[in-house]
């Protein structure tokens, strides 16, 4: 995957990260959902002309990985290498994820820096030795509070279960090193109060604030009953707790203690995208760790909801895991990228179904958007030999389209670029597509074409220019979401020669009327979104 960050030396980067994903299995729709959201967000900011850094990667230490590797008869490192190279990286390439870096927690550039960070905390007196006994979920790699557990039923009757994985917890007792997290409760509450937008959505913020108000416990930051992890530098009988190891990827990947210039221009992240099941790690433990080592805290922790299938959270453990390729082979990659961000309000839980995807694809992509692009190109070809005519007879109808385009562009830029409201931003553009379709229906260019007078032909030219210029804006605004089809539309409009590469078009200027010059050659390319009956479903 090619690095795509801007070359503006010294400028502060707009830094976005995904969670680093456990490699105990291949990625499913839930992993891809968060990663596509981050890709759309960073592509959007690139098209604002900003310097951008987009990080994703894999979390490869811990007991869960070790047990999975053992069950498959290989070493943990062999298991991680296989999954990363054969499943994770290929999927991100398949989905057109334009990440600038891919961090693996088994890399030396990470493990060395993790040891240095933890050693600094130890030297500052922030870490002490103790012992701990309590319920532990290997799936979460987390000690659970007794109040977090649920009662088992059926085969697990009489046992306490992890509320996320629905499996029995293990009671662990071991010697550990502890981070003085309890001392950071008041500091965190003060920070949350001063930065109300730090945790999104509001429901997630309320959960964290209420949890912190109850008082925080010191955090075990080492394990001593297995060895698959980063050794504690002053006591190699212990390995660093996998979550301490994992969270530090956001710092080690951008040059912590290694490349001061890179670190200064990138860290901290503007946005950490996470799933809500790892909220407390990112909104409590991570900022406390940074405060303890006198490092700046991230700008925002944005928590997406769960993808649901049949009312169950998408995961391998409950057998609702669906491969993204199952969908891309039927609907296409661009439609896949579009669907989840359009169908689900980011931050809320959302349900997936083939039926819903099919209905939205047919209505919004094939019928509304794709059909508009095909009709406009066909009419410019039929009536003007493919040369985009000049608009010389604009009236109130055209003014309404121009106003609609400016509104859609401004709303999409605000919602996607600032508010992370992907659904709202996409719908603003799709509503404009509907407006242009309505404009064509009302203006009836196929009837106007029969009027061969200069006035009639001027009117026809104005209608078709208005529609083509509208599509120029749509191509720019949907490029971060659907880059392949947007490029196909850009090519169809003949826009590259006069305007430059699509990726260089500024989203914040997309609504300025008159960007597509008259005289460009408009061609009718392949259908942007083929009818599903024309696609082959596995």
Protein backbone atom coordinates (compact mmCIF):
# COMPACT_ATOMS: atom_id res chain seq x y z
CA UNK A 1 0.00 0.00 0.00
CA UNK A 2 1.47 3.25 -1.11
CA UNK A 3 2.10 6.07 1.31
CA UNK A 4 -0.20 8.93 0.44
CA UNK A 5 0.51 11.66 2.99
CA UNK A 6 1.02 15.22 1.79
CA UNK A 7 4.57 16.51 1.43
CA UNK A 8 4.01 19.76 3.34
CA UNK A 9 7.11 19.71 5.51
CA UNK A 10 6.63 20.96 9.02
CA UNK A 11 2.85 21.25 8.82
CA UNK A 12 0.85 19.41 11.48
CA UNK A 13 -0.68 16.29 10.02
CA UNK A 14 -4.34 15.37 10.34
CA UNK A 15 -3.66 12.04 12.04
CA UNK A 16 -6.32 9.31 12.11
CA UNK A 17 -5.94 5.80 13.48
CA UNK A 18 -8.01 2.64 13.55
CA UNK A 19 -7.75 0.13 16.37
CA UNK A 20 -4.95 -2.30 15.74
CA UNK A 21 -6.76 -5.55 15.21
CA UNK A 22 -6.17 -8.90 16.88
CA UNK A 23 -4.88 -11.45 14.40
CA UNK A 24 -6.48 -14.47 16.03
CA UNK A 25 -8.56 -14.78 12.85
CA UNK A 26 -9.25 -13.20 9.46
CA UNK A 27 -11.01 -9.81 9.32
CA UNK A 28 -14.79 -9.56 9.15
CA UNK A 29 -17.28 -6.80 8.30
CA UNK A 30 -16.88 -5.08 11.67
CA UNK A 31 -13.13 -4.61 11.21
CA UNK A 32 -13.63 -3.37 7.66
CA UNK A 33 -16.35 -0.93 8.75
CA UNK A 34 -14.02 1.02 11.01
CA UNK A 35 -11.16 0.90 8.52
CA UNK A 36 -13.27 2.15 5.61
CA UNK A 37 -14.59 4.98 7.81
CA UNK A 38 -11.04 6.05 8.57
CA UNK A 39 -10.13 5.83 4.91
CA UNK A 40 -13.05 8.05 3.87
CA UNK A 41 -12.21 10.56 6.60
CA UNK A 42 -8.55 10.80 5.63
CA UNK A 43 -9.26 10.90 1.89
CA UNK A 44 -11.64 13.76 2.62
CA UNK A 45 -8.96 15.71 4.46
CA UNK A 46 -6.45 15.02 1.71
CA UNK A 47 -8.92 16.56 -0.70
CA UNK A 48 -9.05 19.58 1.58
CA UNK A 49 -5.38 19.97 0.76
CA UNK A 50 -4.23 19.00 4.23
CA UNK A 51 -1.29 16.91 5.30
CA UNK A 52 -2.70 13.57 6.44
CA UNK A 53 -1.45 10.48 8.23
CA UNK A 54 -3.62 7.36 8.34
CA UNK A 55 -2.50 4.46 10.53
CA UNK A 56 -3.83 0.95 10.87
CA UNK A 57 -2.21 -2.31 11.88
CA UNK A 58 -2.34 -5.48 13.93
CA UNK A 59 -2.11 -6.38 17.62
CA UNK A 60 -0.03 -9.55 17.82
CA UNK A 61 0.83 -10.24 21.46
CA UNK A 62 -1.15 -11.66 24.36
CA UNK A 63 -2.63 -14.88 25.60
CA UNK A 64 -5.39 -15.06 22.99
CA UNK A 65 -2.90 -15.01 20.10
CA UNK A 66 -0.68 -17.53 21.86
CA UNK A 67 -3.54 -19.98 22.39
CA UNK A 68 -4.79 -19.57 18.82
CA UNK A 69 -1.33 -20.31 17.45
CA UNK A 70 -0.97 -23.35 19.70
CA UNK A 71 -4.35 -24.65 18.54
CA UNK A 72 -3.11 -24.38 14.96
CA UNK A 73 0.20 -26.06 15.66
CA UNK A 74 2.46 -23.11 14.87
CA UNK A 75 4.42 -20.50 16.81
CA UNK A 76 2.68 -17.20 17.63
CA UNK A 77 4.99 -15.31 15.26
CA UNK A 78 4.32 -17.74 12.42
CA UNK A 79 0.59 -17.41 13.00
CA UNK A 80 0.75 -13.61 12.99
CA UNK A 81 2.91 -13.49 9.86
CA UNK A 82 0.52 -15.76 8.00
CA UNK A 83 -2.64 -13.89 8.97
CA UNK A 84 -1.19 -10.44 8.28
CA UNK A 85 0.21 -11.30 4.87
CA UNK A 86 -2.58 -13.58 3.68
CA UNK A 87 -5.68 -11.96 5.19
CA UNK A 88 -5.33 -8.49 6.69
CA UNK A 89 -3.10 -6.58 4.27
CA UNK A 90 -4.73 -8.12 1.17
CA UNK A 91 -8.20 -7.09 2.38
CA UNK A 92 -7.17 -3.47 2.94
CA UNK A 93 -5.70 -3.41 -0.57
CA UNK A 94 -8.87 -4.98 -1.95
CA UNK A 95 -11.01 -2.30 -0.27
CA UNK A 96 -8.77 0.53 -1.57
CA UNK A 97 -7.65 1.55 1.92
CA UNK A 98 -5.04 4.29 1.44
CA UNK A 99 -3.25 3.94 4.78
CA UNK A 100 0.11 5.65 5.20
CA UNK A 101 1.49 3.02 7.57
CA UNK A 102 0.69 -0.46 8.86
CA UNK A 103 2.07 -1.09 12.33
CA UNK A 104 2.61 -4.58 13.72
CA UNK A 105 3.25 -4.85 17.45
CA UNK A 106 5.87 -7.55 16.91
CA UNK A 107 8.07 -5.11 14.96
CA UNK A 108 11.28 -3.95 16.63
CA UNK A 109 10.41 -0.29 15.92
CA UNK A 110 7.44 -0.84 18.22
CA UNK A 111 8.70 -3.22 20.91
CA UNK A 112 11.84 -1.20 21.68
CA UNK A 113 9.84 1.99 22.12
CA UNK A 114 7.24 0.24 24.30
CA UNK A 115 9.98 -0.84 26.68
CA UNK A 116 11.35 2.70 26.79
CA UNK A 117 7.92 4.20 27.51
CA UNK A 118 7.20 1.76 30.34
CA UNK A 119 10.72 2.17 31.75
CA UNK A 120 10.15 5.94 31.88
CA UNK A 121 6.93 5.40 33.85
CA UNK A 122 8.74 3.06 36.22
CA UNK A 123 11.59 5.54 36.73
CA UNK A 124 9.05 8.25 37.55
CA UNK A 125 7.49 6.12 40.26
CA UNK A 126 4.25 5.58 38.30
CA UNK A 127 4.61 1.77 38.42
CA UNK A 128 4.92 -0.52 41.46
CA UNK A 129 4.97 -4.27 42.12
CA UNK A 130 2.01 -6.09 43.60
CA UNK A 131 -0.28 -9.05 43.19
CA UNK A 132 -3.73 -9.51 41.75
CA UNK A 133 -6.47 -12.09 41.66
CA UNK A 134 -9.63 -11.66 39.65
CA UNK A 135 -11.80 -12.71 36.71
CA UNK A 136 -10.02 -12.43 33.36
CA UNK A 137 -11.46 -12.64 29.83
CA UNK A 138 -8.84 -13.90 27.40
CA UNK A 139 -10.98 -12.74 24.47
CA UNK A 140 -10.91 -9.15 25.74
CA UNK A 141 -7.42 -9.58 27.27
CA UNK A 142 -8.84 -7.76 30.29
CA UNK A 143 -9.47 -8.25 33.99
CA UNK A 144 -13.18 -7.77 34.57
CA UNK A 145 -14.89 -6.11 37.49
CA UNK A 146 -17.35 -8.48 39.20
CA UNK A 147 -20.19 -6.11 38.37
CA UNK A 148 -19.38 -6.36 34.64
CA UNK A 149 -20.01 -10.11 34.49
CA UNK A 150 -23.24 -11.84 33.49
CA UNK A 151 -24.67 -15.15 34.67
CA UNK A 152 -24.21 -18.12 32.39
CA UNK A 153 -27.06 -20.24 31.11
CA UNK A 154 -27.31 -23.66 29.48
CA UNK A 155 -23.86 -25.24 29.21
CA UNK A 156 -22.42 -22.28 31.17
CA UNK A 157 -25.01 -22.39 33.96
CA UNK A 158 -23.50 -21.48 37.32
CA UNK A 159 -20.53 -19.68 35.73
CA UNK A 160 -19.78 -16.00 35.25
CA UNK A 161 -19.43 -14.85 31.66
CA UNK A 162 -17.80 -11.96 29.83
CA UNK A 163 -20.71 -9.77 28.62
CA UNK A 164 -19.01 -9.26 25.24
CA UNK A 165 -17.79 -12.76 24.38
CA UNK A 166 -20.48 -14.66 26.31
CA UNK A 167 -17.87 -17.14 27.54
CA UNK A 168 -16.71 -18.02 31.07
CA UNK A 169 -13.99 -15.86 32.55
CA UNK A 170 -10.90 -17.40 34.15
CA UNK A 171 -9.89 -16.59 37.72
CA UNK A 172 -6.25 -15.57 37.55
CA UNK A 173 -3.84 -14.98 40.40
CA UNK A 174 -0.39 -13.73 39.64
CA UNK A 175 2.34 -11.28 40.57
CA UNK A 176 2.07 -8.10 38.52
CA UNK A 177 3.35 -4.60 38.11
CA UNK A 178 0.74 -1.88 38.45
CA UNK A 179 0.30 1.58 36.94
CA UNK A 180 -1.09 4.15 39.38
CA UNK A 181 -4.23 4.74 37.32
CA UNK A 182 -6.25 5.61 40.42
CA UNK A 183 -4.34 8.86 40.78
CA UNK A 184 -5.48 10.05 37.37
CA UNK A 185 -9.24 9.96 37.98
CA UNK A 186 -9.52 13.64 39.00
CA UNK A 187 -7.21 14.73 36.16
CA UNK A 188 -9.24 12.80 33.61
CA UNK A 189 -12.54 14.18 34.87
CA UNK A 190 -11.12 17.70 34.66
CA UNK A 191 -9.95 16.96 31.12
CA UNK A 192 -13.34 15.58 30.05
CA UNK A 193 -15.03 18.69 31.45
CA UNK A 194 -12.68 21.01 29.57
CA UNK A 195 -12.91 18.98 26.34
CA UNK A 196 -16.53 17.88 25.90
CA UNK A 197 -15.89 16.68 22.34
CA UNK A 198 -13.06 14.34 23.33
CA UNK A 199 -15.32 11.27 23.41
CA UNK A 200 -18.01 10.70 20.80
CA UNK A 201 -20.88 9.94 20.69
CA UNK A 202 -22.43 11.53 23.78
CA UNK A 203 -23.57 8.15 25.11
CA UNK A 204 -19.97 6.94 25.11
CA UNK A 205 -18.81 10.11 26.84
CA UNK A 206 -21.42 9.68 29.55
CA UNK A 207 -20.36 6.07 30.11
CA UNK A 208 -16.72 7.02 30.58
CA UNK A 209 -17.44 10.01 32.81
CA UNK A 210 -19.73 7.97 35.05
CA UNK A 211 -17.18 5.15 35.26
CA UNK A 212 -14.38 7.55 36.20
CA UNK A 213 -16.53 9.25 38.83
CA UNK A 214 -16.85 5.93 40.68
CA UNK A 215 -13.09 5.95 41.24
CA UNK A 216 -10.43 4.19 39.20
CA UNK A 217 -8.40 1.19 40.30
CA UNK A 218 -4.70 0.83 39.66
CA UNK A 219 -4.04 -1.10 36.47
CA UNK A 220 -2.05 -4.33 36.17
CA UNK A 221 0.42 -3.63 33.36
CA UNK A 222 2.27 -6.96 33.28
CA UNK A 223 1.62 -10.69 33.08
CA UNK A 224 3.85 -13.41 34.47
CA UNK A 225 2.07 -16.65 33.56
CA UNK A 226 3.06 -16.70 29.86
CA UNK A 227 5.82 -15.19 27.73
CA UNK A 228 4.25 -14.10 24.41
CA UNK A 229 4.69 -10.37 24.78
CA UNK A 230 7.17 -7.53 25.18
CA UNK A 231 9.44 -8.23 28.18
CA UNK A 232 9.27 -5.80 31.09
CA UNK A 233 12.73 -4.17 30.76
CA UNK A 234 13.65 -4.26 34.47
CA UNK A 235 12.14 -7.72 35.15
CA UNK A 236 12.07 -10.11 32.22
CA UNK A 237 10.05 -12.68 34.16
CA UNK A 238 7.12 -10.47 33.17
CA UNK A 239 5.74 -9.37 29.83
CA UNK A 240 3.97 -6.06 29.36
CA UNK A 241 0.18 -6.30 29.43
CA UNK A 242 -1.01 -6.53 25.85
CA UNK A 243 -3.23 -3.45 26.08
CA UNK A 244 -0.36 -1.23 27.29
CA UNK A 245 1.70 -2.64 24.43
CA UNK A 246 -1.11 -2.13 21.91
CA UNK A 247 -2.14 1.42 22.82
CA UNK A 248 1.41 2.61 22.39
CA UNK A 249 1.27 1.82 18.66
CA UNK A 250 -0.28 5.26 18.15
CA UNK A 251 2.98 6.79 19.37
CA UNK A 252 5.59 4.28 18.19
CA UNK A 253 4.30 4.28 14.61
CA UNK A 254 4.92 8.02 14.23
CA UNK A 255 8.41 8.22 15.63
CA UNK A 256 8.18 8.25 19.42
CA UNK A 257 11.74 8.31 20.83
CA UNK A 258 13.05 7.63 17.33
CA UNK A 259 12.10 10.39 14.88
CA UNK A 260 11.45 13.62 16.80
CA UNK A 261 10.50 15.64 13.71
CA UNK A 262 7.97 13.07 12.57
CA UNK A 263 6.57 12.73 16.07
CA UNK A 264 6.25 16.48 16.51
CA UNK A 265 4.36 16.97 13.24
CA UNK A 266 2.03 13.98 13.71
CA UNK A 267 1.35 13.13 17.35
CA UNK A 268 -1.13 13.11 18.99
CA UNK A 269 -3.88 11.73 16.79
CA UNK A 270 -6.68 14.06 15.77
CA UNK A 271 -9.07 11.11 15.77
CA UNK A 272 -8.84 7.60 17.20
CA UNK A 273 -11.56 5.48 15.58
CA UNK A 274 -12.54 2.59 17.84
CA UNK A 275 -15.30 0.10 18.56
CA UNK A 276 -17.33 0.69 21.70
CA UNK A 277 -16.10 -2.50 23.35
CA UNK A 278 -12.62 -0.95 23.71
CA UNK A 279 -13.81 2.48 24.81
CA UNK A 280 -12.40 2.49 28.35
CA UNK A 281 -8.92 1.53 27.15
CA UNK A 282 -8.81 4.52 24.80
CA UNK A 283 -10.72 7.09 26.81
CA UNK A 284 -9.33 6.31 30.29
CA UNK A 285 -6.14 4.23 30.23
CA UNK A 286 -4.55 5.78 27.13
CA UNK A 287 -4.89 9.45 28.13
CA UNK A 288 -3.76 8.62 31.68
CA UNK A 289 -0.64 6.92 30.30
CA UNK A 290 0.11 9.98 28.19
CA UNK A 291 -0.44 12.37 31.08
CA UNK A 292 1.89 10.28 33.22
CA UNK A 293 4.65 10.61 30.63
CA UNK A 294 4.00 14.31 29.93
CA UNK A 295 2.74 13.69 26.40
CA UNK A 296 -0.25 15.37 24.70
CA UNK A 297 -3.65 13.70 24.68
CA UNK A 298 -5.49 12.86 21.41
CA UNK A 299 -8.04 15.25 19.99
CA UNK A 300 -10.96 12.87 19.81
CA UNK A 301 -11.91 9.26 20.50
CA UNK A 302 -14.75 8.43 18.11
CA UNK A 303 -16.58 5.28 18.98
CA UNK A 304 -18.55 3.44 16.31
CA UNK A 305 -21.34 1.03 17.17
CA UNK A 306 -21.55 -2.66 16.48
CA UNK A 307 -22.61 -4.23 13.24
CA UNK A 308 -25.44 -6.62 13.94
CA UNK A 309 -26.61 -9.68 12.02
CA UNK A 310 -29.74 -11.36 13.31
CA UNK A 311 -29.54 -9.20 16.44
CA UNK A 312 -26.03 -10.46 17.32
CA UNK A 313 -22.79 -8.48 17.28
CA UNK A 314 -20.64 -9.29 14.26
CA UNK A 315 -17.82 -11.57 15.40
CA UNK A 316 -16.25 -14.92 14.72
CA UNK A 317 -17.22 -16.29 18.11
CA UNK A 318 -20.97 -16.17 17.50
CA UNK A 319 -20.75 -17.34 13.88
CA UNK A 320 -22.18 -14.17 12.36
CA UNK A 321 -18.83 -13.23 10.88
CA UNK A 322 -19.20 -12.47 7.17
CA UNK A 323 -16.24 -11.92 4.89
CA UNK A 324 -16.23 -8.52 3.17
CA UNK A 325 -15.35 -10.35 -0.05
CA UNK A 326 -18.74 -12.10 0.14
CA UNK A 327 -20.29 -8.69 -0.48
CA UNK A 328 -17.74 -7.05 -2.77
CA UNK A 329 -17.98 -9.95 -5.20
CA UNK A 330 -21.69 -9.22 -5.57
CA UNK A 331 -22.04 -5.44 -5.14
CA UNK A 332 -18.54 -4.21 -5.99
CA UNK A 333 -15.93 -2.57 -3.77
CA UNK A 334 -17.17 1.02 -4.14
CA UNK A 335 -20.74 0.09 -3.29
CA UNK A 336 -19.44 -1.83 -0.27
CA UNK A 337 -17.50 1.23 0.95
CA UNK A 338 -20.60 3.37 0.46
CA UNK A 339 -23.23 1.11 1.97
CA UNK A 340 -22.18 0.78 5.60
CA UNK A 341 -21.41 4.48 6.01
CA UNK A 342 -24.64 5.47 4.30
CA UNK A 343 -26.93 2.91 5.96
CA UNK A 344 -25.67 3.27 9.55
CA UNK A 345 -25.34 6.44 11.59
CA UNK A 346 -21.71 6.39 12.73
CA UNK A 347 -21.58 5.89 16.49
CA UNK A 348 -24.79 3.85 16.61
CA UNK A 349 -25.34 0.11 16.28
CA UNK A 350 -26.57 -0.94 12.87
CA UNK A 351 -28.00 -4.06 11.29
CA UNK A 352 -26.86 -5.56 8.03
CA UNK A 353 -28.97 -7.55 5.61
CA UNK A 354 -28.59 -8.56 1.97
CA UNK A 355 -32.09 -7.25 1.36
CA UNK A 356 -31.33 -3.77 2.67
CA UNK A 357 -28.05 -3.55 0.75
CA UNK A 358 -29.81 -4.68 -2.44
CA UNK A 359 -32.63 -2.18 -2.05
CA UNK A 360 -30.35 0.79 -1.36
CA UNK A 361 -27.92 -0.16 -4.14
CA UNK A 362 -30.73 -0.43 -6.68
CA UNK A 363 -32.54 2.74 -5.64
CA UNK A 364 -29.71 5.15 -4.86
CA UNK A 365 -26.70 3.96 -6.81
CA UNK A 366 -28.08 2.25 -9.92
CA UNK A 367 -31.33 4.18 -10.45
CA UNK A 368 -30.47 7.63 -9.11
CA UNK A 369 -26.73 8.19 -9.44
CA UNK A 370 -25.64 5.76 -12.14
CA UNK A 371 -28.64 6.43 -14.35
CA UNK A 372 -28.11 10.20 -14.12
CA UNK A 373 -24.50 9.86 -15.27
CA UNK A 374 -25.51 7.61 -18.17
CA UNK A 375 -28.38 9.84 -19.33
CA UNK A 376 -26.35 13.03 -19.29
CA UNK A 377 -23.43 11.53 -21.20
CA UNK A 378 -25.78 9.95 -23.74
CA UNK A 379 -27.64 13.22 -24.40
CA UNK A 380 -24.44 15.29 -24.75
CA UNK A 381 -23.28 12.68 -27.25
CA UNK A 382 -26.58 12.57 -29.13
CA UNK A 383 -27.31 16.28 -29.33
CA UNK A 384 -23.85 17.88 -29.33
CA UNK A 385 -21.52 15.18 -30.67
CA UNK A 386 -19.95 14.69 -27.23
CA UNK A 387 -18.73 18.30 -26.88
CA UNK A 388 -20.09 19.87 -23.70
CA UNK A 389 -22.05 22.96 -24.76
CA UNK A 390 -21.98 26.35 -23.10
CA UNK A 391 -24.80 27.49 -20.83
CA UNK A 392 -26.17 30.75 -22.21
CA UNK A 393 -29.84 30.60 -21.25
CA UNK A 394 -29.89 30.06 -17.50
CA UNK A 395 -32.98 30.86 -15.47
CA UNK A 396 -34.57 30.18 -12.12
CA UNK A 397 -34.39 26.40 -12.54
CA UNK A 398 -30.63 26.58 -13.00
CA UNK A 399 -30.23 28.93 -10.05
CA UNK A 400 -32.00 26.34 -7.89
CA UNK A 401 -29.56 23.64 -9.03
CA UNK A 402 -26.59 25.92 -8.38
CA UNK A 403 -27.87 26.69 -4.89
CA UNK A 404 -28.48 22.99 -4.25
CA UNK A 405 -24.93 22.14 -5.29
CA UNK A 406 -23.40 24.79 -3.02
CA UNK A 407 -25.52 23.58 -0.12
CA UNK A 408 -24.66 19.90 -0.69
CA UNK A 409 -20.93 20.62 -0.86
CA UNK A 410 -20.91 22.76 2.28
CA UNK A 411 -23.03 20.30 4.22
CA UNK A 412 -20.99 17.27 3.15
CA UNK A 413 -17.73 19.00 4.06
CA UNK A 414 -19.00 19.94 7.49
CA UNK A 415 -20.62 16.61 8.27
CA UNK A 416 -17.86 14.30 7.03
CA UNK A 417 -14.79 16.46 7.57
CA UNK A 418 -15.70 17.86 10.98
CA UNK A 419 -18.54 15.92 12.57
CA UNK A 420 -17.69 12.40 11.34
CA UNK A 421 -21.33 12.15 10.26
CA UNK A 422 -20.63 10.03 7.21
CA UNK A 423 -24.27 9.17 6.69
CA UNK A 424 -25.33 12.81 6.79
CA UNK A 425 -22.59 13.89 4.39
CA UNK A 426 -23.33 11.15 1.89
CA UNK A 427 -27.07 11.83 2.04
CA UNK A 428 -26.44 15.53 1.36
CA UNK A 429 -24.77 14.56 -1.93
CA UNK A 430 -27.38 11.94 -2.80
CA UNK A 431 -30.17 14.44 -2.16
CA UNK A 432 -28.49 16.74 -4.67
CA UNK A 433 -28.35 13.85 -7.16
CA UNK A 434 -32.10 13.47 -6.70
CA UNK A 435 -32.52 17.20 -7.25
CA UNK A 436 -30.62 17.04 -10.56
CA UNK A 437 -32.68 14.05 -11.66
CA UNK A 438 -35.82 16.04 -10.89
CA UNK A 439 -34.44 19.02 -12.81
CA UNK A 440 -33.91 16.90 -15.91
CA UNK A 441 -37.36 15.36 -15.60
CA UNK A 442 -38.95 18.80 -15.34
CA UNK A 443 -36.89 20.40 -18.13
CA UNK A 444 -37.41 17.48 -20.55
CA UNK A 445 -34.31 18.05 -22.71
CA UNK A 446 -35.46 15.33 -25.12
CA UNK A 447 -38.46 17.54 -25.97
CA UNK A 448 -36.45 20.77 -26.00
CA UNK A 449 -34.12 19.14 -28.54
CA UNK A 450 -36.94 19.14 -31.07
CA UNK A 451 -36.91 22.94 -31.09
CA UNK A 452 -34.21 23.70 -33.63
CA UNK A 453 -34.35 27.45 -33.16
CA UNK A 454 -31.30 29.20 -31.66
CA UNK A 455 -33.30 29.80 -28.51
CA UNK A 456 -34.30 26.16 -28.28
CA UNK A 457 -30.75 24.92 -28.81
CA UNK A 458 -29.41 27.42 -26.28
CA UNK A 459 -31.92 26.13 -23.78
CA UNK A 460 -30.95 22.52 -24.50
CA UNK A 461 -27.26 23.39 -24.12
CA UNK A 462 -27.94 25.07 -20.77
CA UNK A 463 -29.85 22.07 -19.42
CA UNK A 464 -27.11 19.62 -20.34
CA UNK A 465 -24.30 21.86 -19.13
CA UNK A 466 -26.11 22.28 -15.81
CA UNK A 467 -26.45 18.52 -15.43
CA UNK A 468 -22.82 17.81 -16.39
CA UNK A 469 -21.44 20.50 -14.09
CA UNK A 470 -23.56 19.05 -11.28
CA UNK A 471 -21.99 15.65 -11.91
CA UNK A 472 -18.53 17.23 -11.69
CA UNK A 473 -19.29 18.27 -8.13
CA UNK A 474 -20.76 14.87 -7.30
CA UNK A 475 -17.62 13.12 -8.57
CA UNK A 476 -15.45 15.30 -6.32
CA UNK A 477 -17.65 14.91 -3.25
CA UNK A 478 -18.08 11.15 -3.54
CA UNK A 479 -14.46 10.45 -4.46
CA UNK A 480 -13.38 9.79 -0.84
CA UNK A 481 -16.24 7.30 -0.52
CA UNK A 482 -16.21 5.66 -3.97
CA UNK A 483 -12.87 6.43 -5.64
CA UNK A 484 -13.13 3.98 -8.55
CA UNK A 485 -16.57 5.00 -9.81
CA UNK A 486 -15.82 8.68 -9.15
CA UNK A 487 -12.74 8.39 -11.34
CA UNK A 488 -14.82 6.70 -14.04
CA UNK A 489 -17.30 9.60 -13.93
CA UNK A 490 -14.44 12.13 -13.96
CA UNK A 491 -13.08 10.46 -17.08
CA UNK A 492 -16.54 10.38 -18.67
CA UNK A 493 -16.90 14.13 -18.14
CA UNK A 494 -13.52 14.80 -19.75
CA UNK A 495 -12.58 16.77 -16.64
CA UNK A 496 -8.97 15.72 -16.10
CA UNK A 497 -7.37 17.66 -18.95
CA UNK A 498 -8.74 21.08 -17.97
CA UNK A 499 -9.08 20.60 -14.21
CA UNK A 500 -6.38 18.12 -13.21
CA UNK A 501 -6.48 14.87 -11.25
CA UNK A 502 -9.65 14.09 -9.33
CA UNK A 503 -7.70 13.49 -6.11
CA UNK A 504 -6.41 17.08 -6.33
CA UNK A 505 -9.89 18.66 -6.43
CA UNK A 506 -10.77 20.47 -3.23
CA UNK A 507 -13.96 19.27 -1.57
CA UNK A 508 -14.51 22.65 0.08
CA UNK A 509 -14.63 24.25 -3.40
CA UNK A 510 -16.67 21.56 -5.11
CA UNK A 511 -19.84 23.64 -4.81
CA UNK A 512 -18.45 26.61 -6.75
CA UNK A 513 -20.38 26.78 -10.00
CA UNK A 514 -18.75 26.71 -13.43
CA UNK A 515 -15.76 24.50 -12.82
CA UNK A 516 -16.26 22.24 -15.83
CA UNK A 517 -15.45 24.27 -18.95
CA UNK A 518 -17.59 24.10 -22.07
CA UNK A 519 -15.97 22.24 -24.94
CA UNK A 520 -14.69 19.23 -23.00
CA UNK A 521 -15.40 15.86 -24.58
CA UNK A 522 -18.04 13.90 -22.69
CA UNK A 523 -18.08 10.17 -23.34
CA UNK A 524 -20.49 7.47 -22.26
CA UNK A 525 -18.38 4.91 -20.43
CA UNK A 526 -19.35 1.69 -18.72
CA UNK A 527 -22.36 1.79 -16.41
CA UNK A 528 -21.18 2.97 -12.99
CA UNK A 529 -23.42 0.63 -11.03
CA UNK A 530 -24.66 -2.38 -13.04
CA UNK A 531 -28.08 -3.78 -12.23
CA UNK A 532 -27.73 -6.54 -9.68
CA UNK A 533 -29.43 -9.05 -11.92
CA UNK A 534 -26.50 -8.48 -14.26
CA UNK A 535 -24.05 -9.34 -11.49
CA UNK A 536 -23.18 -12.87 -10.51
CA UNK A 537 -23.70 -13.78 -6.89
CA UNK A 538 -21.55 -16.56 -5.49
